[in-house]
């Protein structure tokens, strides 16, 4: 598993490094709520990505690593946790029956992010993507109920899956330590100059709020 995991991490980092030169600063307002996937992530810390790095850059790498963890846990669950696997299969079948699934098949840079922008005060949305997705989910019948004994057994299997996910995450952190120099070099080359240009433009606009040549 270790060699396979190392290969997956290597390939994911290489994909992220190919994407980094295409990153551009967002021109829209940032969201107020922090990203739970990236905030305080030990994976980003192992990769050498600091909190001052733009969130989009962080998210692209953390999502790729999360996908590796998810696949490893899915394989472990299928082999060792039959009750949890059955629940997941039922949930997956339920999700496939939904008529509207906007959060599926997103690029890593957008996976897990809110589907809608922050609302503007005094200008409510007529509709939201998340709201339409929730309406599609409400049309489906609920999952069959579990007995108390089944709930206890399911919680035990969920705990085992969480423990395995943490183990895989620690392995990934160790592998990422070997990529730190390449990751930090990419940020220095492609990201930091754009941030410095934005700050310089902001400083200039603050120093000269009015165009002296304007009539």
N, C-alpha and C. Protein backbone atom coordinates (compact mmCIF):
# COMPACT_ATOMS: atom_id res chain seq x y z
N UNK A 1 0.82 -1.20 0.00
CA UNK A 1 0.00 0.00 0.00
C UNK A 1 0.86 1.25 0.00
N UNK A 2 2.01 1.18 0.70
CA UNK A 2 2.84 2.37 0.83
C UNK A 2 3.34 2.85 -0.52
N UNK A 3 3.83 1.91 -1.36
CA UNK A 3 4.34 2.30 -2.66
C UNK A 3 3.21 2.85 -3.52
N UNK A 4 2.05 2.24 -3.51
CA UNK A 4 0.91 2.72 -4.27
C UNK A 4 0.49 4.10 -3.79
N UNK A 5 0.45 4.30 -2.48
CA UNK A 5 0.07 5.60 -1.94
C UNK A 5 1.08 6.66 -2.33
N UNK A 6 2.35 6.32 -2.28
CA UNK A 6 3.39 7.27 -2.67
C UNK A 6 3.23 7.68 -4.14
N UNK A 7 2.91 6.71 -4.99
CA UNK A 7 2.71 7.02 -6.40
C UNK A 7 1.52 7.94 -6.60
N UNK A 8 0.43 7.68 -5.88
CA UNK A 8 -0.74 8.52 -5.99
C UNK A 8 -0.45 9.96 -5.56
N UNK A 9 0.28 10.11 -4.46
CA UNK A 9 0.61 11.45 -3.98
C UNK A 9 1.52 12.15 -4.99
N UNK A 10 2.52 11.43 -5.50
CA UNK A 10 3.42 12.02 -6.49
C UNK A 10 2.63 12.53 -7.69
N UNK A 11 1.70 11.72 -8.18
CA UNK A 11 0.93 12.11 -9.36
C UNK A 11 0.00 13.28 -9.07
N UNK A 12 -0.57 13.31 -7.86
CA UNK A 12 -1.46 14.41 -7.49
C UNK A 12 -0.69 15.72 -7.37
N UNK A 13 0.49 15.66 -6.78
CA UNK A 13 1.31 16.87 -6.67
C UNK A 13 1.73 17.35 -8.05
N UNK A 14 2.10 16.44 -8.92
CA UNK A 14 2.47 16.82 -10.28
C UNK A 14 1.30 17.49 -11.00
N UNK A 15 0.09 16.97 -10.81
CA UNK A 15 -1.09 17.58 -11.43
C UNK A 15 -1.31 18.99 -10.87
N UNK A 16 -1.13 19.15 -9.57
CA UNK A 16 -1.29 20.47 -8.95
C UNK A 16 -0.22 21.44 -9.46
N UNK A 17 1.01 20.97 -9.61
CA UNK A 17 2.08 21.82 -10.11
C UNK A 17 1.80 22.26 -11.55
N UNK A 18 1.16 21.41 -12.35
CA UNK A 18 0.80 21.81 -13.71
C UNK A 18 -0.32 22.84 -13.71
N UNK A 19 -1.17 22.79 -12.67
CA UNK A 19 -2.29 23.73 -12.61
C UNK A 19 -1.88 25.09 -12.07
N UNK A 20 -0.92 25.14 -11.16
CA UNK A 20 -0.56 26.38 -10.47
C UNK A 20 -0.28 27.54 -11.44
N UNK A 21 0.43 27.35 -12.56
CA UNK A 21 0.67 28.49 -13.45
C UNK A 21 -0.61 29.09 -14.04
N UNK A 22 -1.72 28.37 -14.00
CA UNK A 22 -2.97 28.89 -14.55
C UNK A 22 -3.78 29.67 -13.51
N UNK A 23 -3.33 29.67 -12.25
CA UNK A 23 -4.09 30.37 -11.21
C UNK A 23 -4.04 31.87 -11.43
N UNK A 24 -5.18 32.51 -11.20
CA UNK A 24 -5.27 33.97 -11.24
C UNK A 24 -6.06 34.44 -10.04
N UNK A 25 -5.74 35.62 -9.52
CA UNK A 25 -6.50 36.13 -8.37
C UNK A 25 -7.96 36.30 -8.71
N UNK A 26 -8.82 35.98 -7.76
CA UNK A 26 -10.26 36.13 -7.97
C UNK A 26 -10.62 37.61 -8.01
N UNK A 27 -11.58 37.94 -8.84
CA UNK A 27 -12.04 39.33 -8.95
C UNK A 27 -13.34 39.56 -8.20
N UNK A 28 -13.89 38.51 -7.58
CA UNK A 28 -15.13 38.65 -6.83
C UNK A 28 -14.83 38.69 -5.33
N UNK A 29 -15.86 39.01 -4.56
CA UNK A 29 -15.69 39.07 -3.12
C UNK A 29 -15.43 37.69 -2.54
N UNK A 30 -14.50 37.63 -1.59
CA UNK A 30 -14.24 36.37 -0.92
C UNK A 30 -15.35 36.03 0.06
N UNK A 31 -15.44 34.76 0.41
CA UNK A 31 -16.45 34.31 1.35
C UNK A 31 -15.98 34.56 2.78
N UNK A 32 -16.96 34.82 3.65
CA UNK A 32 -16.64 35.10 5.04
C UNK A 32 -16.30 33.81 5.78
N UNK A 33 -17.06 32.74 5.53
CA UNK A 33 -16.86 31.48 6.26
C UNK A 33 -15.56 30.82 5.80
N UNK A 34 -14.72 30.35 6.74
CA UNK A 34 -13.48 29.67 6.35
C UNK A 34 -13.78 28.29 5.78
N UNK A 35 -12.85 27.79 4.98
CA UNK A 35 -12.99 26.46 4.39
C UNK A 35 -12.56 25.42 5.42
N UNK A 36 -13.46 24.56 5.81
CA UNK A 36 -13.14 23.55 6.83
C UNK A 36 -12.14 22.54 6.32
N UNK A 37 -12.05 22.37 5.00
CA UNK A 37 -11.09 21.42 4.45
C UNK A 37 -9.67 21.94 4.54
N UNK A 38 -9.50 23.25 4.44
CA UNK A 38 -8.16 23.82 4.36
C UNK A 38 -7.69 24.46 5.66
N UNK A 39 -8.61 24.99 6.45
CA UNK A 39 -8.22 25.71 7.65
C UNK A 39 -7.53 24.76 8.64
N UNK A 40 -6.29 25.06 8.97
CA UNK A 40 -5.53 24.24 9.91
C UNK A 40 -5.21 22.85 9.40
N UNK A 41 -5.21 22.64 8.09
CA UNK A 41 -4.98 21.31 7.53
C UNK A 41 -3.54 20.85 7.76
N UNK A 42 -3.34 19.69 8.40
CA UNK A 42 -1.96 19.17 8.56
C UNK A 42 -1.34 18.80 7.22
N UNK A 43 -2.16 18.48 6.23
CA UNK A 43 -1.64 18.16 4.91
C UNK A 43 -1.01 19.39 4.28
N UNK A 44 -1.67 20.54 4.38
CA UNK A 44 -1.11 21.77 3.83
C UNK A 44 0.15 22.17 4.60
N UNK A 45 0.14 21.94 5.91
CA UNK A 45 1.32 22.24 6.70
C UNK A 45 2.50 21.37 6.27
N UNK A 46 2.24 20.09 6.05
CA UNK A 46 3.31 19.19 5.60
C UNK A 46 3.83 19.59 4.23
N UNK A 47 2.93 20.13 3.39
CA UNK A 47 3.32 20.54 2.04
C UNK A 47 4.07 21.87 2.04
N UNK A 48 4.09 22.56 3.19
CA UNK A 48 4.79 23.83 3.27
C UNK A 48 3.99 25.00 2.75
N UNK A 49 2.66 24.85 2.69
CA UNK A 49 1.79 25.92 2.22
C UNK A 49 1.27 26.68 3.43
N UNK A 50 1.63 27.95 3.54
CA UNK A 50 1.26 28.75 4.68
C UNK A 50 -0.15 29.30 4.58
N UNK A 51 -0.64 29.82 5.70
CA UNK A 51 -2.00 30.35 5.75
C UNK A 51 -2.16 31.60 4.90
N UNK A 52 -1.05 32.29 4.56
CA UNK A 52 -1.14 33.49 3.75
C UNK A 52 -1.21 33.18 2.26
N UNK A 53 -1.09 31.92 1.88
CA UNK A 53 -1.25 31.52 0.49
C UNK A 53 -2.72 31.62 0.11
N UNK A 54 -3.04 32.15 -1.08
CA UNK A 54 -4.45 32.26 -1.48
C UNK A 54 -5.19 30.94 -1.33
N UNK A 55 -6.45 31.03 -0.88
CA UNK A 55 -7.18 29.81 -0.59
C UNK A 55 -7.34 28.91 -1.81
N UNK A 56 -7.54 29.49 -2.98
CA UNK A 56 -7.71 28.67 -4.17
C UNK A 56 -6.51 27.77 -4.42
N UNK A 57 -5.32 28.27 -4.12
CA UNK A 57 -4.10 27.50 -4.29
C UNK A 57 -4.05 26.38 -3.26
N UNK A 58 -4.40 26.70 -2.03
CA UNK A 58 -4.46 25.68 -0.97
C UNK A 58 -5.47 24.59 -1.32
N UNK A 59 -6.65 25.02 -1.74
CA UNK A 59 -7.77 24.10 -1.94
C UNK A 59 -7.46 23.09 -3.04
N UNK A 60 -6.78 23.54 -4.08
CA UNK A 60 -6.47 22.62 -5.18
C UNK A 60 -5.63 21.45 -4.73
N UNK A 61 -4.70 21.69 -3.79
CA UNK A 61 -3.85 20.59 -3.30
C UNK A 61 -4.56 19.77 -2.24
N UNK A 62 -5.23 20.43 -1.29
CA UNK A 62 -5.89 19.69 -0.21
C UNK A 62 -6.99 18.78 -0.76
N UNK A 63 -7.69 19.23 -1.79
CA UNK A 63 -8.74 18.40 -2.37
C UNK A 63 -8.15 17.17 -3.06
N UNK A 64 -7.05 17.36 -3.74
CA UNK A 64 -6.41 16.21 -4.40
C UNK A 64 -5.96 15.18 -3.37
N UNK A 65 -5.44 15.63 -2.24
CA UNK A 65 -5.03 14.70 -1.20
C UNK A 65 -6.24 14.04 -0.54
N UNK A 66 -7.32 14.80 -0.37
CA UNK A 66 -8.54 14.23 0.21
C UNK A 66 -9.08 13.12 -0.68
N UNK A 67 -9.00 13.30 -1.99
CA UNK A 67 -9.47 12.27 -2.91
C UNK A 67 -8.69 10.97 -2.72
N UNK A 68 -7.39 11.08 -2.50
CA UNK A 68 -6.58 9.89 -2.26
C UNK A 68 -7.02 9.20 -0.97
N UNK A 69 -7.24 9.98 0.08
CA UNK A 69 -7.70 9.41 1.35
C UNK A 69 -9.06 8.75 1.15
N UNK A 70 -9.96 9.42 0.47
CA UNK A 70 -11.31 8.87 0.26
C UNK A 70 -11.26 7.54 -0.47
N UNK A 71 -10.43 7.44 -1.48
CA UNK A 71 -10.33 6.19 -2.23
C UNK A 71 -9.75 5.07 -1.37
N UNK A 72 -8.76 5.40 -0.55
CA UNK A 72 -8.16 4.39 0.32
C UNK A 72 -9.18 3.91 1.35
N UNK A 73 -9.94 4.83 1.92
CA UNK A 73 -10.94 4.46 2.92
C UNK A 73 -12.07 3.65 2.26
N UNK A 74 -12.44 4.01 1.05
CA UNK A 74 -13.49 3.27 0.34
C UNK A 74 -13.06 1.82 0.12
N UNK A 75 -11.79 1.62 -0.26
CA UNK A 75 -11.29 0.26 -0.47
C UNK A 75 -11.26 -0.51 0.85
N UNK A 76 -10.81 0.15 1.91
CA UNK A 76 -10.77 -0.48 3.23
C UNK A 76 -12.17 -0.84 3.71
N UNK A 77 -13.12 0.05 3.49
CA UNK A 77 -14.50 -0.19 3.91
C UNK A 77 -15.10 -1.36 3.15
N UNK A 78 -14.87 -1.42 1.85
CA UNK A 78 -15.43 -2.50 1.05
C UNK A 78 -14.90 -3.86 1.49
N UNK A 79 -13.66 -3.89 1.99
CA UNK A 79 -13.05 -5.16 2.37
C UNK A 79 -13.33 -5.56 3.82
N UNK A 80 -13.59 -4.57 4.69
CA UNK A 80 -13.62 -4.88 6.12
C UNK A 80 -14.86 -4.42 6.88
N UNK A 81 -15.65 -3.54 6.32
CA UNK A 81 -16.75 -2.95 7.09
C UNK A 81 -18.06 -3.12 6.33
N UNK A 82 -18.68 -4.30 6.41
CA UNK A 82 -19.85 -4.60 5.58
C UNK A 82 -21.07 -3.73 5.90
N UNK A 83 -21.29 -3.44 7.16
CA UNK A 83 -22.48 -2.63 7.50
C UNK A 83 -22.34 -1.21 6.97
N UNK A 84 -21.18 -0.61 7.19
CA UNK A 84 -20.96 0.74 6.67
C UNK A 84 -21.02 0.74 5.15
N UNK A 85 -20.48 -0.28 4.52
CA UNK A 85 -20.52 -0.35 3.06
C UNK A 85 -21.96 -0.42 2.56
N UNK A 86 -22.78 -1.16 3.25
CA UNK A 86 -24.19 -1.26 2.86
C UNK A 86 -24.89 0.11 2.96
N UNK A 87 -24.60 0.82 4.04
CA UNK A 87 -25.19 2.15 4.20
C UNK A 87 -24.70 3.10 3.11
N UNK A 88 -23.42 3.02 2.79
CA UNK A 88 -22.88 3.87 1.74
C UNK A 88 -23.47 3.53 0.38
N UNK A 89 -23.67 2.26 0.12
CA UNK A 89 -24.27 1.86 -1.15
C UNK A 89 -25.70 2.38 -1.27
N UNK A 90 -26.44 2.30 -0.17
CA UNK A 90 -27.81 2.82 -0.19
C UNK A 90 -27.83 4.33 -0.41
N UNK A 91 -26.91 5.03 0.25
CA UNK A 91 -26.84 6.48 0.08
C UNK A 91 -26.42 6.84 -1.34
N UNK A 92 -25.47 6.09 -1.90
CA UNK A 92 -25.03 6.35 -3.27
C UNK A 92 -26.17 6.13 -4.26
N UNK A 93 -26.94 5.07 -4.07
CA UNK A 93 -28.08 4.81 -4.95
C UNK A 93 -29.11 5.93 -4.82
N UNK A 94 -29.31 6.40 -3.61
CA UNK A 94 -30.25 7.51 -3.39
C UNK A 94 -29.76 8.78 -4.09
N UNK A 95 -28.47 9.04 -4.00
CA UNK A 95 -27.92 10.23 -4.65
C UNK A 95 -28.03 10.15 -6.16
N UNK A 96 -27.81 8.94 -6.71
CA UNK A 96 -27.89 8.80 -8.16
C UNK A 96 -29.31 9.02 -8.66
N UNK A 97 -30.29 8.82 -7.81
CA UNK A 97 -31.68 9.01 -8.20
C UNK A 97 -32.10 10.47 -8.20
N UNK A 98 -31.26 11.34 -7.64
CA UNK A 98 -31.61 12.75 -7.61
C UNK A 98 -31.58 13.33 -9.02
N UNK A 99 -32.51 14.20 -9.30
CA UNK A 99 -32.61 14.78 -10.64
C UNK A 99 -31.60 15.90 -10.87
N UNK A 100 -31.04 16.45 -9.80
CA UNK A 100 -30.11 17.59 -9.94
C UNK A 100 -28.95 17.39 -8.98
N UNK A 101 -27.73 17.27 -9.53
CA UNK A 101 -26.55 16.98 -8.71
C UNK A 101 -25.41 17.93 -9.11
N UNK A 102 -25.51 19.19 -8.70
CA UNK A 102 -24.53 20.19 -9.17
C UNK A 102 -23.14 20.04 -8.56
N UNK A 103 -23.00 19.33 -7.46
CA UNK A 103 -21.71 19.22 -6.79
C UNK A 103 -20.86 18.07 -7.30
N UNK A 104 -21.34 17.33 -8.30
CA UNK A 104 -20.60 16.17 -8.79
C UNK A 104 -19.68 16.55 -9.94
N UNK A 105 -18.57 15.81 -10.05
CA UNK A 105 -17.64 15.91 -11.18
C UNK A 105 -17.02 17.30 -11.32
N UNK A 106 -16.80 17.97 -10.20
CA UNK A 106 -16.14 19.27 -10.23
C UNK A 106 -14.62 19.09 -10.27
N UNK A 107 -13.93 20.07 -10.82
CA UNK A 107 -12.47 20.06 -10.79
C UNK A 107 -12.00 20.18 -9.34
N UNK A 108 -10.80 19.65 -9.01
CA UNK A 108 -10.35 19.69 -7.62
C UNK A 108 -10.34 21.09 -7.01
N UNK A 109 -10.09 22.11 -7.84
CA UNK A 109 -10.02 23.47 -7.33
C UNK A 109 -11.37 23.99 -6.86
N UNK A 110 -12.46 23.35 -7.28
CA UNK A 110 -13.80 23.82 -6.92
C UNK A 110 -14.57 22.81 -6.06
N UNK A 111 -14.08 21.58 -5.97
CA UNK A 111 -14.77 20.54 -5.22
C UNK A 111 -14.82 20.91 -3.74
N UNK A 112 -16.02 20.83 -3.17
CA UNK A 112 -16.16 21.11 -1.74
C UNK A 112 -16.41 22.56 -1.41
N UNK A 113 -16.33 23.45 -2.38
CA UNK A 113 -16.61 24.86 -2.12
C UNK A 113 -18.11 25.12 -2.17
N UNK A 114 -18.59 26.19 -1.54
CA UNK A 114 -20.02 26.52 -1.61
C UNK A 114 -20.48 26.68 -3.05
N UNK A 115 -21.68 26.25 -3.33
CA UNK A 115 -22.20 26.30 -4.68
C UNK A 115 -22.62 27.71 -5.09
N UNK A 116 -22.93 28.56 -4.13
CA UNK A 116 -23.43 29.90 -4.40
C UNK A 116 -22.51 30.95 -3.81
N UNK A 117 -22.46 32.15 -4.40
CA UNK A 117 -21.67 33.24 -3.82
C UNK A 117 -22.33 33.77 -2.55
N UNK A 118 -21.57 34.56 -1.81
CA UNK A 118 -22.14 35.20 -0.63
C UNK A 118 -23.26 36.15 -1.05
N UNK A 119 -24.39 36.14 -0.36
CA UNK A 119 -25.46 37.07 -0.72
C UNK A 119 -25.07 38.51 -0.42
N UNK A 120 -25.57 39.41 -1.23
CA UNK A 120 -25.35 40.84 -1.02
C UNK A 120 -26.47 41.38 -0.15
N UNK A 121 -26.16 42.08 0.93
CA UNK A 121 -27.22 42.61 1.80
C UNK A 121 -28.22 43.46 1.02
N UNK A 122 -29.48 43.17 1.22
CA UNK A 122 -30.53 43.91 0.55
C UNK A 122 -30.84 43.43 -0.85
N UNK A 123 -30.11 42.41 -1.31
CA UNK A 123 -30.35 41.89 -2.67
C UNK A 123 -30.43 40.37 -2.60
N UNK A 124 -31.53 39.84 -2.09
CA UNK A 124 -31.64 38.38 -1.95
C UNK A 124 -31.68 37.68 -3.30
N UNK A 125 -31.23 36.43 -3.30
CA UNK A 125 -31.28 35.62 -4.51
C UNK A 125 -32.72 35.20 -4.80
N UNK A 126 -33.07 35.17 -6.09
CA UNK A 126 -34.36 34.59 -6.47
C UNK A 126 -34.36 33.09 -6.26
N UNK A 127 -33.21 32.48 -6.47
CA UNK A 127 -33.03 31.04 -6.22
C UNK A 127 -31.54 30.81 -6.04
N UNK A 128 -31.19 29.67 -5.46
CA UNK A 128 -29.79 29.30 -5.30
C UNK A 128 -29.58 27.88 -5.82
N UNK A 129 -28.36 27.60 -6.24
CA UNK A 129 -28.03 26.26 -6.71
C UNK A 129 -28.18 25.26 -5.58
N UNK A 130 -27.68 25.64 -4.39
CA UNK A 130 -27.80 24.74 -3.24
C UNK A 130 -29.26 24.48 -2.90
N UNK A 131 -30.08 25.50 -3.01
CA UNK A 131 -31.51 25.33 -2.72
C UNK A 131 -32.18 24.37 -3.69
N UNK A 132 -31.83 24.47 -4.96
CA UNK A 132 -32.41 23.55 -5.94
C UNK A 132 -31.93 22.12 -5.70
N UNK A 133 -30.66 21.97 -5.29
CA UNK A 133 -30.15 20.64 -4.99
C UNK A 133 -30.89 20.05 -3.78
N UNK A 134 -31.17 20.89 -2.77
CA UNK A 134 -31.89 20.41 -1.59
C UNK A 134 -33.31 19.99 -1.96
N UNK A 135 -33.94 20.74 -2.85
CA UNK A 135 -35.29 20.39 -3.28
C UNK A 135 -35.30 19.04 -4.01
N UNK A 136 -34.28 18.80 -4.83
CA UNK A 136 -34.20 17.52 -5.53
C UNK A 136 -34.01 16.37 -4.54
N UNK A 137 -33.23 16.62 -3.47
CA UNK A 137 -33.00 15.57 -2.47
C UNK A 137 -34.27 15.28 -1.68
N UNK A 138 -35.10 16.30 -1.44
CA UNK A 138 -36.32 16.11 -0.65
C UNK A 138 -37.35 15.26 -1.38
N UNK A 139 -37.21 15.16 -2.69
CA UNK A 139 -38.18 14.38 -3.46
C UNK A 139 -37.96 12.88 -3.30
N UNK A 140 -36.81 12.48 -2.77
CA UNK A 140 -36.48 11.05 -2.66
C UNK A 140 -36.99 10.49 -1.34
N UNK A 141 -37.33 9.21 -1.31
CA UNK A 141 -37.76 8.59 -0.05
C UNK A 141 -36.59 8.47 0.91
N UNK A 142 -36.82 8.52 2.22
CA UNK A 142 -35.73 8.41 3.19
C UNK A 142 -35.13 7.00 3.19
N UNK A 143 -33.93 6.91 3.73
CA UNK A 143 -33.29 5.60 3.88
C UNK A 143 -34.04 4.78 4.92
N UNK A 144 -34.01 3.47 4.80
CA UNK A 144 -34.71 2.63 5.78
C UNK A 144 -34.12 2.83 7.17
N UNK A 145 -34.96 2.80 8.22
CA UNK A 145 -34.46 3.03 9.59
C UNK A 145 -33.61 1.86 10.07
N UNK A 146 -32.75 2.17 11.06
CA UNK A 146 -31.89 1.15 11.65
C UNK A 146 -32.35 0.83 13.06
N UNK A 147 -32.13 -0.40 13.48
CA UNK A 147 -32.39 -0.77 14.86
C UNK A 147 -31.30 -0.15 15.75
N UNK A 148 -31.53 -0.14 17.05
CA UNK A 148 -30.54 0.41 17.96
C UNK A 148 -29.25 -0.40 17.91
N UNK A 149 -29.38 -1.72 17.80
CA UNK A 149 -28.18 -2.57 17.71
C UNK A 149 -27.39 -2.25 16.44
N UNK A 150 -28.12 -2.03 15.35
CA UNK A 150 -27.45 -1.71 14.09
C UNK A 150 -26.76 -0.35 14.17
N UNK A 151 -27.38 0.58 14.87
CA UNK A 151 -26.76 1.90 15.03
C UNK A 151 -25.45 1.80 15.80
N UNK A 152 -25.43 0.99 16.86
CA UNK A 152 -24.21 0.82 17.64
C UNK A 152 -23.12 0.19 16.78
N UNK A 153 -23.47 -0.85 16.04
CA UNK A 153 -22.48 -1.52 15.19
C UNK A 153 -21.99 -0.58 14.10
N UNK A 154 -22.90 0.23 13.55
CA UNK A 154 -22.51 1.15 12.49
C UNK A 154 -21.56 2.22 13.02
N UNK A 155 -21.83 2.71 14.22
CA UNK A 155 -20.93 3.71 14.80
C UNK A 155 -19.53 3.13 15.01
N UNK A 156 -19.46 1.87 15.40
CA UNK A 156 -18.16 1.24 15.58
C UNK A 156 -17.40 1.14 14.26
N UNK A 157 -18.11 0.80 13.20
CA UNK A 157 -17.46 0.70 11.90
C UNK A 157 -17.05 2.08 11.38
N UNK A 158 -17.86 3.09 11.64
CA UNK A 158 -17.50 4.46 11.25
C UNK A 158 -16.23 4.89 11.97
N UNK A 159 -16.12 4.54 13.27
CA UNK A 159 -14.92 4.88 14.02
C UNK A 159 -13.69 4.21 13.43
N UNK A 160 -13.84 2.95 12.99
CA UNK A 160 -12.72 2.25 12.37
C UNK A 160 -12.33 2.92 11.05
N UNK A 161 -13.32 3.33 10.27
CA UNK A 161 -13.04 4.02 9.01
C UNK A 161 -12.34 5.35 9.26
N UNK A 162 -12.77 6.08 10.29
CA UNK A 162 -12.11 7.34 10.63
C UNK A 162 -10.66 7.11 11.06
N UNK A 163 -10.44 6.07 11.84
CA UNK A 163 -9.09 5.75 12.28
C UNK A 163 -8.19 5.42 11.10
N UNK A 164 -8.74 4.67 10.14
CA UNK A 164 -7.95 4.34 8.95
C UNK A 164 -7.67 5.58 8.12
N UNK A 165 -8.67 6.48 8.01
CA UNK A 165 -8.46 7.72 7.26
C UNK A 165 -7.36 8.55 7.89
N UNK A 166 -7.33 8.62 9.22
CA UNK A 166 -6.28 9.36 9.90
C UNK A 166 -4.91 8.75 9.64
N UNK A 167 -4.85 7.43 9.60
CA UNK A 167 -3.59 6.76 9.34
C UNK A 167 -3.09 7.08 7.93
N UNK A 168 -4.00 7.02 6.96
CA UNK A 168 -3.61 7.34 5.58
C UNK A 168 -3.19 8.81 5.48
N UNK A 169 -3.91 9.68 6.17
CA UNK A 169 -3.55 11.08 6.16
C UNK A 169 -2.15 11.33 6.70
N UNK A 170 -1.78 10.62 7.77
CA UNK A 170 -0.43 10.77 8.32
C UNK A 170 0.61 10.28 7.33
N UNK A 171 0.30 9.18 6.63
CA UNK A 171 1.23 8.68 5.61
C UNK A 171 1.42 9.71 4.50
N UNK A 172 0.33 10.35 4.09
CA UNK A 172 0.40 11.35 3.04
C UNK A 172 1.24 12.54 3.49
N UNK A 173 1.07 12.95 4.75
CA UNK A 173 1.87 14.06 5.27
C UNK A 173 3.36 13.74 5.18
N UNK A 174 3.71 12.52 5.52
CA UNK A 174 5.12 12.12 5.44
C UNK A 174 5.64 12.16 4.01
N UNK A 175 4.82 11.74 3.07
CA UNK A 175 5.23 11.76 1.66
C UNK A 175 5.36 13.19 1.16
N UNK A 176 4.44 14.06 1.57
CA UNK A 176 4.46 15.45 1.11
C UNK A 176 5.69 16.20 1.56
N UNK A 177 6.29 15.78 2.65
CA UNK A 177 7.51 16.46 3.11
C UNK A 177 8.58 16.44 2.04
N UNK A 178 8.59 15.42 1.20
CA UNK A 178 9.60 15.31 0.15
C UNK A 178 9.28 16.21 -1.04
N UNK A 179 8.06 16.77 -1.06
CA UNK A 179 7.66 17.65 -2.17
C UNK A 179 7.68 19.13 -1.78
N UNK A 180 8.03 19.44 -0.55
CA UNK A 180 7.90 20.81 -0.05
C UNK A 180 8.65 21.82 -0.92
N UNK A 181 9.88 21.51 -1.28
CA UNK A 181 10.68 22.47 -2.04
C UNK A 181 10.05 22.78 -3.39
N UNK A 182 9.52 21.76 -4.07
CA UNK A 182 8.89 21.97 -5.37
C UNK A 182 7.60 22.78 -5.22
N UNK A 183 6.84 22.47 -4.18
CA UNK A 183 5.58 23.18 -3.95
C UNK A 183 5.85 24.64 -3.63
N UNK A 184 6.80 24.90 -2.74
CA UNK A 184 7.10 26.28 -2.37
C UNK A 184 7.71 27.05 -3.53
N UNK A 185 8.51 26.37 -4.35
CA UNK A 185 9.09 27.05 -5.51
C UNK A 185 8.00 27.45 -6.50
N UNK A 186 6.99 26.60 -6.68
CA UNK A 186 5.89 26.93 -7.59
C UNK A 186 5.11 28.14 -7.08
N UNK A 187 4.88 28.19 -5.77
CA UNK A 187 4.16 29.33 -5.20
C UNK A 187 4.99 30.61 -5.36
N UNK A 188 6.28 30.52 -5.12
CA UNK A 188 7.15 31.70 -5.27
C UNK A 188 7.20 32.19 -6.71
N UNK A 189 7.17 31.27 -7.65
CA UNK A 189 7.31 31.64 -9.06
C UNK A 189 6.00 32.15 -9.66
N UNK A 190 4.90 31.51 -9.33
CA UNK A 190 3.65 31.80 -10.03
C UNK A 190 2.62 32.56 -9.20
N UNK A 191 2.62 32.40 -7.90
CA UNK A 191 1.57 32.99 -7.07
C UNK A 191 2.00 34.30 -6.44
N UNK A 192 3.15 34.30 -5.80
CA UNK A 192 3.56 35.50 -5.07
C UNK A 192 3.72 36.73 -5.96
N UNK A 193 4.25 36.61 -7.19
CA UNK A 193 4.32 37.82 -8.03
C UNK A 193 2.94 38.43 -8.32
N UNK A 194 1.93 37.60 -8.49
CA UNK A 194 0.59 38.13 -8.73
C UNK A 194 0.05 38.85 -7.50
N UNK A 195 0.32 38.30 -6.32
CA UNK A 195 -0.12 38.94 -5.09
C UNK A 195 0.60 40.27 -4.90
N UNK A 196 1.92 40.28 -5.17
CA UNK A 196 2.69 41.52 -5.04
C UNK A 196 2.19 42.58 -6.01
N UNK A 197 1.82 42.17 -7.23
CA UNK A 197 1.29 43.12 -8.20
C UNK A 197 -0.04 43.70 -7.73
N UNK A 198 -0.88 42.86 -7.14
CA UNK A 198 -2.15 43.35 -6.62
C UNK A 198 -1.93 44.35 -5.49
N UNK A 199 -1.01 44.05 -4.59
CA UNK A 199 -0.72 44.96 -3.48
C UNK A 199 -0.15 46.28 -3.98
N UNK A 200 0.72 46.21 -5.00
CA UNK A 200 1.28 47.44 -5.56
C UNK A 200 0.19 48.28 -6.20
N UNK A 201 -0.73 47.62 -6.90
CA UNK A 201 -1.83 48.35 -7.52
C UNK A 201 -2.73 48.98 -6.47
N UNK A 202 -2.98 48.25 -5.39
CA UNK A 202 -3.81 48.79 -4.31
C UNK A 202 -3.12 49.98 -3.64
N UNK A 203 -1.81 49.86 -3.41
CA UNK A 203 -1.07 50.96 -2.79
C UNK A 203 -1.11 52.21 -3.66
N UNK A 204 -0.96 52.02 -4.97
CA UNK A 204 -0.99 53.15 -5.88
C UNK A 204 -2.35 53.83 -5.89
N UNK A 205 -3.41 53.02 -5.85
CA UNK A 205 -4.75 53.59 -5.86
C UNK A 205 -5.04 54.34 -4.56
N UNK A 206 -4.46 53.87 -3.43
CA UNK A 206 -4.65 54.56 -2.16
C UNK A 206 -3.85 55.86 -2.12
N UNK A 207 -2.65 55.83 -2.71
CA UNK A 207 -1.82 57.04 -2.72
C UNK A 207 -2.38 58.10 -3.67
N UNK A 208 -3.02 57.66 -4.75
CA UNK A 208 -3.56 58.60 -5.75
C UNK A 208 -5.02 58.25 -6.01
N UNK A 209 -5.91 58.59 -5.07
CA UNK A 209 -7.30 58.21 -5.23
C UNK A 209 -8.01 58.94 -6.36
N UNK A 210 -7.45 60.06 -6.79
CA UNK A 210 -8.06 60.83 -7.87
C UNK A 210 -7.06 61.00 -9.00
N UNK A 211 -7.56 60.92 -10.20
CA UNK A 211 -6.71 61.09 -11.38
C UNK A 211 -6.46 62.58 -11.56
N UNK A 212 -5.21 63.05 -11.47
CA UNK A 212 -4.96 64.50 -11.60
C UNK A 212 -5.30 65.05 -12.97
N UNK A 213 -5.38 64.16 -13.97
CA UNK A 213 -5.69 64.63 -15.31
C UNK A 213 -7.19 64.64 -15.58
N UNK A 214 -7.94 64.17 -14.59
CA UNK A 214 -9.40 64.14 -14.80
C UNK A 214 -9.95 65.56 -14.79
N UNK A 215 -10.97 65.86 -15.60
CA UNK A 215 -11.54 67.20 -15.64
C UNK A 215 -12.23 67.56 -14.36
